[in-house]
Amino acid sequence: MRNIKTIKLFPVSASKEISFVLKNCNDINYYIEQRKKELIDRINYSTAAWLRGRSENSNSMEDILILYENDRIIKRFKKWQKVINRLLNDLSNEEVPIEYYLIKYRYMEKMSDEYIIDKLQLNSIYELRNLIVNIKNKIYEYALQENLYEEVISYE
């Protein structure tokens, strides 16, 4: 059984978002596309607006592209993609990539806990849970580096 060295406490909202991103790591591109569709639906795109030129109410293709680039939700999803890809790359390069396979089996292939315990040769469900907590802590560290969260410092 591997021991967790340090557990960094992080906000509940961060924990929920990390769990959401892990469970939906295969679908992040889908969520980005859905958000783009929402933005298009909000804007009434027309070629007449482009012909009129840029004005306050113009809804040209350029305006839509600027909206895509400046949308905070799309930016956040793209940052999460970078975090997950970097984490998977780092974990796959480890000598014993048990955490990589845990993410692969549990969150990408949606395998059962029993299958994962058997496949990774873990001793118990508690060891599996400890690995999941360890992975979430690593993701939080990467998210801090990508400025998805601000580090909370407590003075005691």
N, C-alpha and C. Protein backbone atom coordinates (compact mmCIF):
# COMPACT_ATOMS: atom_id res chain seq x y z
N MET A 1 0.84 -1.18 0.00
CA MET A 1 0.00 0.00 0.00
C MET A 1 0.88 1.23 0.00
N ARG A 2 0.56 2.18 -0.89
CA ARG A 2 1.32 3.42 -0.96
C ARG A 2 0.75 4.42 0.01
N ASN A 3 1.63 5.14 0.67
CA ASN A 3 1.19 6.15 1.63
C ASN A 3 1.07 7.50 0.93
N ILE A 4 0.10 8.27 1.37
CA ILE A 4 -0.04 9.62 0.88
C ILE A 4 0.88 10.49 1.73
N LYS A 5 1.78 11.22 1.08
CA LYS A 5 2.76 12.01 1.81
C LYS A 5 2.13 13.19 2.51
N THR A 6 1.49 14.06 1.75
CA THR A 6 0.81 15.20 2.35
C THR A 6 -0.52 15.39 1.64
N ILE A 7 -1.48 15.74 2.42
CA ILE A 7 -2.79 16.04 1.86
C ILE A 7 -3.02 17.52 2.05
N LYS A 8 -3.19 18.20 0.95
CA LYS A 8 -3.45 19.62 0.99
C LYS A 8 -4.96 19.81 1.01
N LEU A 9 -5.43 20.58 1.95
CA LEU A 9 -6.85 20.85 2.02
C LEU A 9 -7.20 21.88 0.97
N PHE A 10 -8.26 21.61 0.24
CA PHE A 10 -8.69 22.58 -0.76
C PHE A 10 -10.19 22.75 -0.66
N PRO A 11 -10.71 23.85 -1.19
CA PRO A 11 -12.13 24.18 -1.04
C PRO A 11 -13.05 23.09 -1.59
N VAL A 12 -14.25 23.02 -1.02
CA VAL A 12 -15.24 22.03 -1.44
C VAL A 12 -15.62 22.26 -2.90
N SER A 13 -15.73 23.52 -3.31
CA SER A 13 -16.09 23.81 -4.70
C SER A 13 -15.01 23.27 -5.65
N ALA A 14 -13.75 23.37 -5.24
CA ALA A 14 -12.67 22.82 -6.05
C ALA A 14 -12.77 21.31 -6.11
N SER A 15 -13.08 20.69 -5.00
CA SER A 15 -13.23 19.24 -4.97
C SER A 15 -14.35 18.78 -5.89
N LYS A 16 -15.47 19.50 -5.88
CA LYS A 16 -16.59 19.15 -6.75
C LYS A 16 -16.23 19.33 -8.22
N GLU A 17 -15.52 20.43 -8.53
CA GLU A 17 -15.15 20.67 -9.92
C GLU A 17 -14.14 19.64 -10.41
N ILE A 18 -13.19 19.28 -9.56
CA ILE A 18 -12.21 18.26 -9.92
C ILE A 18 -12.91 16.92 -10.17
N SER A 19 -13.85 16.56 -9.32
CA SER A 19 -14.61 15.32 -9.52
C SER A 19 -15.39 15.37 -10.84
N PHE A 20 -16.01 16.51 -11.13
CA PHE A 20 -16.75 16.66 -12.38
C PHE A 20 -15.83 16.51 -13.58
N VAL A 21 -14.68 17.16 -13.54
CA VAL A 21 -13.74 17.10 -14.66
C VAL A 21 -13.21 15.68 -14.84
N LEU A 22 -12.92 15.00 -13.76
CA LEU A 22 -12.44 13.61 -13.87
C LEU A 22 -13.52 12.71 -14.49
N LYS A 23 -14.74 12.84 -13.99
CA LYS A 23 -15.81 11.98 -14.50
C LYS A 23 -16.16 12.28 -15.95
N ASN A 24 -15.90 13.50 -16.39
CA ASN A 24 -16.26 13.91 -17.75
C ASN A 24 -15.05 14.26 -18.59
N CYS A 25 -13.90 13.70 -18.27
CA CYS A 25 -12.67 14.07 -19.00
C CYS A 25 -12.74 13.72 -20.48
N ASN A 26 -13.52 12.71 -20.84
CA ASN A 26 -13.67 12.36 -22.26
C ASN A 26 -14.61 13.32 -22.99
N ASP A 27 -15.42 14.06 -22.24
CA ASP A 27 -16.48 14.87 -22.84
C ASP A 27 -16.21 16.38 -22.78
N ILE A 28 -15.01 16.79 -22.45
CA ILE A 28 -14.73 18.22 -22.32
C ILE A 28 -14.92 18.93 -23.66
N ASN A 29 -14.48 18.32 -24.75
CA ASN A 29 -14.69 18.93 -26.07
C ASN A 29 -16.18 19.09 -26.37
N TYR A 30 -16.98 18.14 -25.95
CA TYR A 30 -18.42 18.23 -26.14
C TYR A 30 -18.98 19.44 -25.39
N TYR A 31 -18.53 19.65 -24.14
CA TYR A 31 -19.01 20.79 -23.36
C TYR A 31 -18.58 22.12 -23.99
N ILE A 32 -17.39 22.15 -24.56
CA ILE A 32 -16.93 23.37 -25.24
C ILE A 32 -17.83 23.65 -26.45
N GLU A 33 -18.13 22.62 -27.22
CA GLU A 33 -19.00 22.80 -28.40
C GLU A 33 -20.40 23.23 -27.99
N GLN A 34 -20.91 22.66 -26.90
CA GLN A 34 -22.23 23.06 -26.41
C GLN A 34 -22.24 24.53 -26.01
N ARG A 35 -21.17 24.97 -25.37
CA ARG A 35 -21.08 26.37 -24.97
C ARG A 35 -21.03 27.28 -26.20
N LYS A 36 -20.30 26.86 -27.22
CA LYS A 36 -20.25 27.65 -28.46
C LYS A 36 -21.63 27.75 -29.10
N LYS A 37 -22.39 26.66 -29.08
CA LYS A 37 -23.74 26.69 -29.62
C LYS A 37 -24.62 27.65 -28.81
N GLU A 38 -24.47 27.65 -27.50
CA GLU A 38 -25.23 28.58 -26.66
C GLU A 38 -24.90 30.02 -27.03
N LEU A 39 -23.63 30.31 -27.25
CA LEU A 39 -23.24 31.66 -27.62
C LEU A 39 -23.82 32.06 -28.97
N ILE A 40 -23.80 31.15 -29.92
CA ILE A 40 -24.37 31.44 -31.24
C ILE A 40 -25.88 31.68 -31.12
N ASP A 41 -26.54 30.87 -30.29
CA ASP A 41 -27.99 31.05 -30.12
C ASP A 41 -28.33 32.40 -29.49
N ARG A 42 -27.45 32.87 -28.60
CA ARG A 42 -27.68 34.17 -27.97
C ARG A 42 -27.49 35.32 -28.95
N ILE A 43 -26.58 35.13 -29.90
CA ILE A 43 -26.30 36.17 -30.88
C ILE A 43 -27.08 35.85 -32.13
N ASN A 44 -27.69 36.86 -32.69
CA ASN A 44 -28.43 36.67 -33.93
C ASN A 44 -27.50 37.02 -35.07
N TYR A 45 -26.75 36.04 -35.56
CA TYR A 45 -25.76 36.28 -36.60
C TYR A 45 -26.46 36.56 -37.93
N SER A 46 -25.96 37.56 -38.63
CA SER A 46 -26.50 37.84 -39.96
C SER A 46 -25.41 38.46 -40.82
N THR A 47 -25.52 38.24 -42.12
CA THR A 47 -24.56 38.87 -43.03
C THR A 47 -24.87 40.34 -43.18
N ALA A 48 -26.12 40.74 -42.94
CA ALA A 48 -26.47 42.15 -43.03
C ALA A 48 -25.69 42.96 -42.00
N ALA A 49 -25.46 42.38 -40.84
CA ALA A 49 -24.68 43.08 -39.81
C ALA A 49 -23.25 43.29 -40.29
N TRP A 50 -22.73 42.30 -40.99
CA TRP A 50 -21.37 42.43 -41.50
C TRP A 50 -21.32 43.52 -42.58
N LEU A 51 -22.34 43.57 -43.42
CA LEU A 51 -22.39 44.57 -44.48
C LEU A 51 -22.51 45.99 -43.93
N ARG A 52 -23.24 46.14 -42.84
CA ARG A 52 -23.39 47.46 -42.22
C ARG A 52 -22.07 47.94 -41.63
N GLY A 53 -21.22 47.02 -41.32
CA GLY A 53 -19.96 47.39 -40.69
C GLY A 53 -20.06 47.24 -39.19
N ARG A 54 -18.96 47.46 -38.54
CA ARG A 54 -18.93 47.29 -37.09
C ARG A 54 -19.64 48.45 -36.42
N SER A 55 -20.62 48.12 -35.65
CA SER A 55 -21.29 49.12 -34.82
C SER A 55 -21.56 48.45 -33.48
N GLU A 56 -22.22 49.16 -32.63
CA GLU A 56 -22.48 48.61 -31.29
C GLU A 56 -23.31 47.34 -31.35
N ASN A 57 -24.25 47.27 -32.27
CA ASN A 57 -25.15 46.13 -32.33
C ASN A 57 -24.79 45.14 -33.43
N SER A 58 -23.62 45.25 -33.97
CA SER A 58 -23.23 44.38 -35.06
C SER A 58 -22.94 42.98 -34.53
N ASN A 59 -23.42 41.98 -35.24
CA ASN A 59 -23.22 40.58 -34.86
C ASN A 59 -22.51 39.84 -35.98
N SER A 60 -21.35 40.29 -36.34
CA SER A 60 -20.62 39.67 -37.43
C SER A 60 -19.91 38.41 -36.94
N MET A 61 -19.36 37.67 -37.88
CA MET A 61 -18.61 36.46 -37.54
C MET A 61 -17.42 36.81 -36.66
N GLU A 62 -16.83 37.96 -36.89
CA GLU A 62 -15.71 38.40 -36.07
C GLU A 62 -16.13 38.57 -34.61
N ASP A 63 -17.30 39.12 -34.40
CA ASP A 63 -17.81 39.28 -33.03
C ASP A 63 -18.02 37.94 -32.34
N ILE A 64 -18.51 36.97 -33.10
CA ILE A 64 -18.73 35.64 -32.53
C ILE A 64 -17.39 34.99 -32.17
N LEU A 65 -16.40 35.13 -33.03
CA LEU A 65 -15.08 34.56 -32.74
C LEU A 65 -14.46 35.24 -31.52
N ILE A 66 -14.65 36.52 -31.39
CA ILE A 66 -14.15 37.23 -30.21
C ILE A 66 -14.85 36.73 -28.96
N LEU A 67 -16.15 36.48 -29.07
CA LEU A 67 -16.89 35.92 -27.94
C LEU A 67 -16.32 34.56 -27.54
N TYR A 68 -16.01 33.71 -28.52
CA TYR A 68 -15.42 32.40 -28.22
C TYR A 68 -14.12 32.56 -27.46
N GLU A 69 -13.28 33.47 -27.93
CA GLU A 69 -11.97 33.65 -27.31
C GLU A 69 -12.05 34.26 -25.92
N ASN A 70 -13.07 35.08 -25.68
CA ASN A 70 -13.18 35.77 -24.40
C ASN A 70 -14.12 35.11 -23.42
N ASP A 71 -14.80 34.05 -23.83
CA ASP A 71 -15.76 33.40 -22.94
C ASP A 71 -15.02 32.69 -21.81
N ARG A 72 -15.37 33.02 -20.59
CA ARG A 72 -14.65 32.48 -19.44
C ARG A 72 -14.90 30.99 -19.24
N ILE A 73 -16.08 30.50 -19.62
CA ILE A 73 -16.37 29.07 -19.45
C ILE A 73 -15.55 28.25 -20.43
N ILE A 74 -15.46 28.70 -21.67
CA ILE A 74 -14.65 27.99 -22.66
C ILE A 74 -13.18 28.02 -22.25
N LYS A 75 -12.71 29.17 -21.77
CA LYS A 75 -11.32 29.27 -21.31
C LYS A 75 -11.06 28.29 -20.17
N ARG A 76 -12.01 28.19 -19.25
CA ARG A 76 -11.84 27.31 -18.10
C ARG A 76 -11.79 25.84 -18.54
N PHE A 77 -12.67 25.45 -19.45
CA PHE A 77 -12.64 24.08 -19.96
C PHE A 77 -11.32 23.79 -20.66
N LYS A 78 -10.81 24.74 -21.43
CA LYS A 78 -9.53 24.53 -22.12
C LYS A 78 -8.38 24.41 -21.12
N LYS A 79 -8.44 25.19 -20.04
CA LYS A 79 -7.41 25.05 -19.00
C LYS A 79 -7.50 23.67 -18.34
N TRP A 80 -8.72 23.20 -18.12
CA TRP A 80 -8.88 21.87 -17.53
C TRP A 80 -8.35 20.80 -18.47
N GLN A 81 -8.53 20.97 -19.76
CA GLN A 81 -7.96 20.02 -20.71
C GLN A 81 -6.44 19.97 -20.58
N LYS A 82 -5.82 21.15 -20.46
CA LYS A 82 -4.37 21.20 -20.29
C LYS A 82 -3.94 20.51 -19.01
N VAL A 83 -4.68 20.75 -17.93
CA VAL A 83 -4.34 20.14 -16.63
C VAL A 83 -4.42 18.62 -16.73
N ILE A 84 -5.51 18.10 -17.27
CA ILE A 84 -5.70 16.64 -17.36
C ILE A 84 -4.64 16.03 -18.28
N ASN A 85 -4.39 16.65 -19.43
CA ASN A 85 -3.38 16.11 -20.35
C ASN A 85 -2.00 16.11 -19.73
N ARG A 86 -1.66 17.19 -19.02
CA ARG A 86 -0.35 17.25 -18.37
C ARG A 86 -0.23 16.20 -17.27
N LEU A 87 -1.30 16.04 -16.49
CA LEU A 87 -1.30 15.03 -15.43
C LEU A 87 -1.13 13.64 -16.02
N LEU A 88 -1.90 13.32 -17.05
CA LEU A 88 -1.80 11.98 -17.66
C LEU A 88 -0.42 11.74 -18.24
N ASN A 89 0.15 12.76 -18.84
CA ASN A 89 1.50 12.63 -19.39
C ASN A 89 2.51 12.37 -18.27
N ASP A 90 2.42 13.14 -17.20
CA ASP A 90 3.35 12.95 -16.08
C ASP A 90 3.17 11.59 -15.42
N LEU A 91 1.92 11.18 -15.23
CA LEU A 91 1.67 9.89 -14.56
C LEU A 91 2.09 8.71 -15.43
N SER A 92 1.93 8.83 -16.74
CA SER A 92 2.31 7.72 -17.62
C SER A 92 3.82 7.55 -17.70
N ASN A 93 4.57 8.60 -17.38
CA ASN A 93 6.03 8.52 -17.41
C ASN A 93 6.64 8.04 -16.10
N GLU A 94 5.81 7.78 -15.09
CA GLU A 94 6.32 7.27 -13.82
C GLU A 94 6.79 5.83 -14.00
N GLU A 95 7.64 5.41 -13.05
CA GLU A 95 8.18 4.04 -13.11
C GLU A 95 7.06 3.00 -12.97
N VAL A 96 6.15 3.23 -12.03
CA VAL A 96 4.98 2.37 -11.85
C VAL A 96 3.75 3.27 -12.02
N PRO A 97 3.16 3.28 -13.21
CA PRO A 97 2.07 4.24 -13.49
C PRO A 97 0.70 3.79 -12.98
N ILE A 98 0.62 3.42 -11.71
CA ILE A 98 -0.63 2.91 -11.15
C ILE A 98 -1.72 3.99 -11.16
N GLU A 99 -1.34 5.25 -10.89
CA GLU A 99 -2.33 6.33 -10.87
C GLU A 99 -2.84 6.61 -12.29
N TYR A 100 -1.97 6.48 -13.27
CA TYR A 100 -2.39 6.65 -14.66
C TYR A 100 -3.45 5.61 -15.03
N TYR A 101 -3.18 4.37 -14.68
CA TYR A 101 -4.14 3.31 -15.01
C TYR A 101 -5.42 3.45 -14.21
N LEU A 102 -5.33 3.96 -13.00
CA LEU A 102 -6.54 4.21 -12.22
C LEU A 102 -7.43 5.22 -12.93
N ILE A 103 -6.85 6.33 -13.40
CA ILE A 103 -7.63 7.33 -14.14
C ILE A 103 -8.19 6.73 -15.42
N LYS A 104 -7.36 5.97 -16.10
CA LYS A 104 -7.79 5.36 -17.36
C LYS A 104 -8.97 4.42 -17.15
N TYR A 105 -8.85 3.51 -16.18
CA TYR A 105 -9.91 2.53 -15.97
C TYR A 105 -11.16 3.13 -15.34
N ARG A 106 -10.98 3.98 -14.35
CA ARG A 106 -12.13 4.49 -13.61
C ARG A 106 -12.88 5.59 -14.36
N TYR A 107 -12.13 6.56 -14.89
CA TYR A 107 -12.79 7.74 -15.44
C TYR A 107 -12.92 7.74 -16.95
N MET A 108 -12.03 7.07 -17.65
CA MET A 108 -12.12 7.06 -19.11
C MET A 108 -12.88 5.84 -19.62
N GLU A 109 -12.61 4.69 -19.05
CA GLU A 109 -13.28 3.47 -19.49
C GLU A 109 -14.45 3.08 -18.60
N LYS A 110 -14.66 3.79 -17.50
CA LYS A 110 -15.81 3.61 -16.60
C LYS A 110 -15.92 2.17 -16.07
N MET A 111 -14.79 1.61 -15.64
CA MET A 111 -14.78 0.26 -15.09
C MET A 111 -15.21 0.27 -13.63
N SER A 112 -15.62 -0.87 -13.13
CA SER A 112 -16.09 -0.99 -11.75
C SER A 112 -14.89 -0.99 -10.78
N ASP A 113 -15.19 -0.69 -9.52
CA ASP A 113 -14.14 -0.68 -8.50
C ASP A 113 -13.51 -2.07 -8.34
N GLU A 114 -14.31 -3.10 -8.42
CA GLU A 114 -13.79 -4.47 -8.27
C GLU A 114 -12.80 -4.79 -9.39
N TYR A 115 -13.15 -4.38 -10.60
CA TYR A 115 -12.26 -4.61 -11.74
C TYR A 115 -10.94 -3.87 -11.54
N ILE A 116 -11.03 -2.63 -11.09
CA ILE A 116 -9.83 -1.81 -10.90
C ILE A 116 -8.94 -2.39 -9.81
N ILE A 117 -9.54 -2.80 -8.70
CA ILE A 117 -8.78 -3.40 -7.60
C ILE A 117 -8.06 -4.66 -8.08
N ASP A 118 -8.77 -5.47 -8.84
CA ASP A 118 -8.18 -6.70 -9.37
C ASP A 118 -7.08 -6.39 -10.38
N LYS A 119 -7.35 -5.50 -11.31
CA LYS A 119 -6.41 -5.20 -12.40
C LYS A 119 -5.14 -4.52 -11.88
N LEU A 120 -5.29 -3.62 -10.91
CA LEU A 120 -4.13 -2.90 -10.38
C LEU A 120 -3.50 -3.61 -9.18
N GLN A 121 -4.07 -4.75 -8.81
CA GLN A 121 -3.57 -5.56 -7.70
C GLN A 121 -3.50 -4.76 -6.40
N LEU A 122 -4.59 -4.08 -6.09
CA LEU A 122 -4.69 -3.33 -4.84
C LEU A 122 -5.20 -4.26 -3.75
N ASN A 123 -4.95 -3.89 -2.50
CA ASN A 123 -5.35 -4.74 -1.39
C ASN A 123 -6.81 -4.56 -0.98
N SER A 124 -7.32 -3.33 -1.12
CA SER A 124 -8.67 -3.08 -0.64
C SER A 124 -9.25 -1.84 -1.31
N ILE A 125 -10.53 -1.61 -1.02
CA ILE A 125 -11.20 -0.41 -1.52
C ILE A 125 -10.60 0.84 -0.89
N TYR A 126 -10.08 0.70 0.32
CA TYR A 126 -9.47 1.86 1.01
C TYR A 126 -8.20 2.31 0.30
N GLU A 127 -7.45 1.37 -0.19
CA GLU A 127 -6.25 1.72 -0.96
C GLU A 127 -6.65 2.44 -2.25
N LEU A 128 -7.72 1.97 -2.87
CA LEU A 128 -8.24 2.63 -4.07
C LEU A 128 -8.66 4.06 -3.75
N ARG A 129 -9.37 4.24 -2.66
CA ARG A 129 -9.81 5.59 -2.27
C ARG A 129 -8.63 6.49 -1.95
N ASN A 130 -7.61 5.95 -1.32
CA ASN A 130 -6.41 6.75 -1.03
C ASN A 130 -5.73 7.20 -2.32
N LEU A 131 -5.69 6.32 -3.31
CA LEU A 131 -5.11 6.70 -4.61
C LEU A 131 -5.94 7.80 -5.28
N ILE A 132 -7.26 7.70 -5.17
CA ILE A 132 -8.13 8.73 -5.77
C ILE A 132 -7.89 10.07 -5.08
N VAL A 133 -7.78 10.08 -3.77
CA VAL A 133 -7.50 11.32 -3.04
C VAL A 133 -6.14 11.89 -3.46
N ASN A 134 -5.17 11.02 -3.62
CA ASN A 134 -3.85 11.44 -4.05
C ASN A 134 -3.90 12.07 -5.45
N ILE A 135 -4.66 11.46 -6.34
CA ILE A 135 -4.81 12.00 -7.70
C ILE A 135 -5.49 13.36 -7.66
N LYS A 136 -6.54 13.49 -6.86
CA LYS A 136 -7.24 14.77 -6.75
C LYS A 136 -6.31 15.86 -6.21
N ASN A 137 -5.44 15.49 -5.28
CA ASN A 137 -4.48 16.46 -4.76
C ASN A 137 -3.50 16.89 -5.85
N LYS A 138 -3.05 15.94 -6.66
CA LYS A 138 -2.15 16.30 -7.76
C LYS A 138 -2.85 17.20 -8.77
N ILE A 139 -4.10 16.89 -9.07
CA ILE A 139 -4.86 17.73 -10.00
C ILE A 139 -5.01 19.14 -9.43
N TYR A 140 -5.26 19.24 -8.13
CA TYR A 140 -5.38 20.56 -7.51
C TYR A 140 -4.08 21.34 -7.63
N GLU A 141 -2.96 20.65 -7.45
CA GLU A 141 -1.66 21.32 -7.61
C GLU A 141 -1.46 21.84 -9.03
N TYR A 142 -1.81 21.02 -10.01
CA TYR A 142 -1.71 21.46 -11.41
C TYR A 142 -2.69 22.60 -11.69
N ALA A 143 -3.88 22.53 -11.11
CA ALA A 143 -4.88 23.59 -11.31
C ALA A 143 -4.39 24.91 -10.72
N LEU A 144 -3.68 24.84 -9.60
CA LEU A 144 -3.09 26.05 -9.02
C LEU A 144 -2.07 26.66 -9.97
N GLN A 145 -1.27 25.80 -10.60
CA GLN A 145 -0.26 26.29 -11.55
C GLN A 145 -0.90 26.91 -12.79
N GLU A 146 -2.08 26.43 -13.18
CA GLU A 146 -2.79 26.99 -14.35
C GLU A 146 -3.67 28.17 -13.97
N ASN A 147 -3.63 28.59 -12.71
CA ASN A 147 -4.43 29.71 -12.19
C ASN A 147 -5.93 29.44 -12.26
N LEU A 148 -6.33 28.19 -12.12
CA LEU A 148 -7.74 27.87 -12.03
C LEU A 148 -8.27 28.19 -10.63
N TYR A 149 -7.40 28.16 -9.66
CA TYR A 149 -7.74 28.50 -8.29
C TYR A 149 -6.63 29.35 -7.71
N GLU A 150 -6.97 30.03 -6.63
CA GLU A 150 -5.94 30.75 -5.88
C GLU A 150 -5.66 29.93 -4.63
N GLU A 151 -4.41 29.87 -4.27
CA GLU A 151 -4.02 29.09 -3.10
C GLU A 151 -4.50 29.76 -1.85
N VAL A 152 -5.13 28.98 -0.99
CA VAL A 152 -5.66 29.49 0.27
C VAL A 152 -4.60 29.23 1.34
N ILE A 153 -4.20 30.29 1.99
CA ILE A 153 -3.20 30.17 3.05
C ILE A 153 -3.89 30.48 4.36
N SER A 154 -3.76 29.56 5.30
CA SER A 154 -4.38 29.79 6.61
C SER A 154 -3.28 30.05 7.64
N TYR A 155 -3.49 31.06 8.42
CA TYR A 155 -2.56 31.40 9.48
C TYR A 155 -3.14 30.92 10.80
N GLU A 156 -2.36 30.10 11.46
CA GLU A 156 -2.86 29.55 12.74
C GLU A 156 -2.01 30.03 13.88
